[in-house]
Amino acid sequence: MTDHHYSAADLTVLSMTDAVRRRPGMFFAPGPDLATRVLCTVIGHAFHPAATVAAAHTPRVVADITAGLAFSVTDDQAAADPDRPRLGYDGTLLTPERWSYAAAVAVSTHTSVETWRDGRGFRQSLTGLHPLKPPEPLTAPAGAGTRVAYVLDPAFFGPAAITADLAALDVHGPRRTAPSGPGEVLIRDHRHL
């Protein structure tokens, strides 16, 4: 019998950014159209949020495509305490419950995050998963919400762009076999206006 030694010294711990950039298919599903799959993953996560983020409700999600590699997603969920930001990945407003949002940030050059509840909230600008500064107070509308605007990294995506065929987008994901349930996803393409 051969003796195999295994130790923690054999492990390489990757940052979120390195993990996503090395194996984007693990986060956004394998296949062509990576920029489109990033968009669909973030929309899908907003529409089917982690239970710790969203109590049972009818989700409302709006996605705005503003350029070939730029989009924003706004949902109706936010942190419970509008007076104190809850920090997640690398000191950002993106907590592990929003892992797909953070994965999209890892392949972006610039990201803006806003989260609010009852007229108060926070905003933060990121370069990659690195905050440019701590969260700043935000005067926001009534209700609750989170808006994340991404500029995907052209050096990572090359000539790719988010598809213009919005009817073909799968925002529920390949693993979702149950009916989608109530809710609304609105996708607006501002590139051709």
Protein backbone atom coordinates (compact mmCIF):
# COMPACT_ATOMS: atom_id res chain seq x y z
CA MET A 1 0.00 0.00 0.00
CA THR A 2 1.34 3.41 -0.94
CA ASP A 3 1.39 5.96 1.82
CA HIS A 4 -0.19 9.26 0.68
CA HIS A 5 0.42 12.29 2.80
CA TYR A 6 -2.01 15.13 2.68
CA SER A 7 -1.65 18.41 4.50
CA ALA A 8 -2.91 21.95 4.41
CA ALA A 9 0.42 22.91 2.86
CA ASP A 10 -0.83 21.26 -0.34
CA LEU A 11 -3.79 23.63 -0.58
CA THR A 12 -3.92 26.93 -2.41
CA VAL A 13 -6.52 29.35 -1.09
CA LEU A 14 -7.73 31.69 -3.81
CA SER A 15 -9.30 35.07 -3.39
CA MET A 16 -12.82 35.46 -4.77
CA THR A 17 -11.38 37.41 -7.72
CA ASP A 18 -8.78 34.75 -8.55
CA ALA A 19 -11.31 31.92 -8.21
CA VAL A 20 -13.79 33.59 -10.57
CA ARG A 21 -11.21 34.67 -13.14
CA ARG A 22 -9.55 31.22 -13.24
CA ARG A 23 -12.80 29.27 -13.50
CA PRO A 24 -15.65 31.54 -14.63
CA GLY A 25 -17.75 28.54 -15.70
CA MET A 26 -18.08 27.49 -12.06
CA PHE A 27 -19.83 30.78 -11.28
CA PHE A 28 -21.66 31.61 -14.51
CA ALA A 29 -22.21 28.18 -16.13
CA PRO A 30 -19.95 26.99 -18.95
CA GLY A 31 -20.54 27.90 -22.55
CA PRO A 32 -20.24 30.77 -25.00
CA ASP A 33 -21.47 34.30 -24.36
CA LEU A 34 -19.79 34.79 -21.00
CA ALA A 35 -20.89 38.44 -20.72
CA THR A 36 -24.51 37.40 -21.25
CA ARG A 37 -24.18 34.59 -18.71
CA VAL A 38 -22.83 37.03 -16.11
CA LEU A 39 -25.90 39.22 -16.64
CA CYS A 40 -28.28 36.23 -16.44
CA THR A 41 -26.63 34.89 -13.29
CA VAL A 42 -26.98 38.20 -11.46
CA ILE A 43 -30.61 38.60 -12.60
CA GLY A 44 -31.37 35.00 -11.62
CA HIS A 45 -29.88 35.52 -8.18
CA ALA A 46 -31.91 38.72 -7.73
CA PHE A 47 -35.11 36.90 -8.77
CA HIS A 48 -34.35 33.82 -6.65
CA PRO A 49 -32.48 35.34 -3.68
CA ALA A 50 -31.01 33.46 -0.76
CA ALA A 51 -33.63 32.91 1.95
CA THR A 52 -31.54 34.91 4.43
CA VAL A 53 -31.78 37.96 2.16
CA ALA A 54 -35.42 37.75 1.17
CA ALA A 55 -38.41 36.70 3.17
CA ALA A 56 -41.18 35.11 1.14
CA HIS A 57 -42.37 37.78 -1.27
CA THR A 58 -43.05 38.47 -4.93
CA PRO A 59 -39.71 39.73 -6.26
CA ARG A 60 -39.35 42.68 -8.59
CA VAL A 61 -36.12 42.92 -10.58
CA VAL A 62 -35.10 45.49 -13.19
CA ALA A 63 -31.99 45.05 -15.35
CA ASP A 64 -30.71 47.86 -17.54
CA ILE A 65 -28.14 47.10 -20.25
CA THR A 66 -26.30 50.34 -20.97
CA ALA A 67 -23.40 49.17 -23.18
CA GLY A 68 -21.94 45.99 -24.63
CA LEU A 69 -20.21 45.22 -21.33
CA ALA A 70 -22.19 47.38 -18.88
CA PHE A 71 -25.42 46.73 -17.00
CA SER A 72 -27.18 47.32 -13.71
CA VAL A 73 -29.56 45.15 -11.72
CA THR A 74 -32.00 46.58 -9.19
CA ASP A 75 -34.01 44.37 -6.84
CA ASP A 76 -36.41 44.99 -3.98
CA GLN A 77 -34.25 43.48 -1.23
CA ALA A 78 -31.84 45.22 1.14
CA ALA A 79 -30.10 44.69 4.44
CA ALA A 80 -32.38 44.87 7.48
CA ASP A 81 -30.54 47.75 9.19
CA PRO A 82 -30.42 50.92 7.07
CA ASP A 83 -28.37 52.70 9.75
CA ARG A 84 -25.35 50.39 9.74
CA PRO A 85 -23.87 48.75 6.63
CA ARG A 86 -23.20 45.04 6.76
CA LEU A 87 -19.89 44.40 5.03
CA GLY A 88 -19.03 41.31 3.05
CA TYR A 89 -16.38 40.40 0.49
CA ASP A 90 -13.21 42.46 1.01
CA GLY A 91 -15.11 45.15 2.93
CA THR A 92 -17.77 45.66 0.26
CA LEU A 93 -21.54 45.97 0.65
CA LEU A 94 -21.82 42.57 -1.10
CA THR A 95 -22.29 39.86 1.52
CA PRO A 96 -22.01 36.10 0.92
CA GLU A 97 -25.79 35.96 0.38
CA ARG A 98 -25.08 37.89 -2.83
CA TRP A 99 -22.17 35.73 -3.98
CA SER A 100 -23.13 35.91 -7.67
CA TYR A 101 -23.09 39.72 -7.51
CA ALA A 102 -19.58 39.53 -6.02
CA ALA A 103 -18.52 37.05 -8.72
CA ALA A 104 -19.64 39.53 -11.39
CA VAL A 105 -17.68 42.27 -9.61
CA ALA A 106 -14.58 40.06 -9.84
CA VAL A 107 -14.73 40.30 -13.65
CA SER A 108 -15.53 44.03 -13.70
CA THR A 109 -13.37 47.13 -13.82
CA HIS A 110 -15.82 49.36 -11.99
CA THR A 111 -18.91 48.64 -9.90
CA SER A 112 -21.31 50.85 -7.98
CA VAL A 113 -23.36 49.32 -5.14
CA GLU A 114 -26.36 50.99 -3.50
CA THR A 115 -28.58 49.45 -0.83
CA TRP A 116 -31.46 51.15 0.99
CA ARG A 117 -34.43 50.69 3.25
CA ASP A 118 -37.04 53.25 4.31
CA GLY A 119 -35.32 56.25 2.73
CA ARG A 120 -31.85 55.56 4.16
CA GLY A 121 -29.01 53.46 2.88
CA PHE A 122 -25.44 53.27 1.64
CA ARG A 123 -23.49 53.44 -1.60
CA GLN A 124 -20.00 52.26 -2.45
CA SER A 125 -17.77 52.31 -5.54
CA LEU A 126 -15.48 49.37 -6.28
CA THR A 127 -12.58 48.65 -8.58
CA GLY A 128 -12.70 44.90 -8.90
CA LEU A 129 -13.62 43.64 -5.43
CA HIS A 130 -11.70 46.49 -3.82
CA PRO A 131 -13.67 49.38 -2.31
CA LEU A 132 -12.43 52.83 -3.29
CA LYS A 133 -13.59 53.95 0.18
CA PRO A 134 -15.95 52.79 2.93
CA PRO A 135 -19.72 52.88 2.32
CA GLU A 136 -21.19 56.38 2.26
CA PRO A 137 -24.72 57.36 3.36
CA LEU A 138 -27.32 57.47 0.61
CA THR A 139 -30.62 59.35 0.61
CA ALA A 140 -32.86 56.83 -1.05
CA PRO A 141 -36.46 56.26 -2.04
CA ALA A 142 -39.05 54.63 0.19
CA GLY A 143 -39.12 50.88 0.38
CA ALA A 144 -36.13 48.58 0.14
CA GLY A 145 -33.73 47.80 -2.64
CA THR A 146 -30.27 47.06 -3.91
CA ARG A 147 -28.84 48.35 -7.19
CA VAL A 148 -25.51 47.17 -8.53
CA ALA A 149 -24.09 48.69 -11.73
CA TYR A 150 -21.25 46.83 -13.46
CA VAL A 151 -18.72 47.71 -16.13
CA LEU A 152 -17.31 44.33 -17.18
CA ASP A 153 -13.57 44.15 -17.84
CA PRO A 154 -12.89 44.36 -21.61
CA ALA A 155 -9.44 42.84 -21.05
CA PHE A 156 -11.14 39.73 -19.61
CA PHE A 157 -14.08 39.53 -22.04
CA GLY A 158 -12.33 40.61 -25.24
CA PRO A 159 -14.70 41.54 -28.07
CA ALA A 160 -17.68 39.83 -26.38
CA ALA A 161 -20.83 41.76 -25.58
CA ILE A 162 -24.14 41.09 -23.87
CA THR A 163 -26.58 39.66 -26.40
CA ALA A 164 -29.22 41.88 -27.98
CA ASP A 165 -31.62 38.89 -28.13
CA LEU A 166 -33.34 39.59 -24.81
CA ALA A 167 -36.14 37.09 -25.49
CA ALA A 168 -33.60 34.24 -25.41
CA LEU A 169 -32.21 35.09 -21.97
CA ASP A 170 -32.58 32.39 -19.28
CA VAL A 171 -32.73 34.30 -16.01
CA HIS A 172 -33.84 31.30 -13.95
CA GLY A 173 -30.74 29.17 -14.53
CA PRO A 174 -30.23 25.68 -15.91
CA ARG A 175 -30.69 23.95 -12.54
CA ARG A 176 -34.13 25.45 -11.88
CA THR A 177 -36.79 22.86 -12.77
CA ALA A 178 -39.70 24.09 -10.62
CA PRO A 179 -42.08 26.74 -11.92
CA SER A 180 -40.72 30.24 -11.57
CA GLY A 181 -43.54 31.47 -9.36
CA PRO A 182 -44.83 35.01 -9.15
CA GLY A 183 -42.62 37.99 -9.65
CA GLU A 184 -41.41 40.29 -12.34
CA VAL A 185 -38.15 40.64 -14.21
CA LEU A 186 -37.90 43.62 -16.53
CA ILE A 187 -34.87 43.80 -18.84
CA ARG A 188 -34.30 47.05 -20.73
CA ASP A 189 -31.68 47.47 -23.43
CA HIS A 190 -30.58 51.11 -23.69
CA ARG A 191 -27.87 50.48 -26.30
CA HIS A 192 -30.06 51.20 -29.30
CA LEU A 193 -32.16 54.11 -28.07
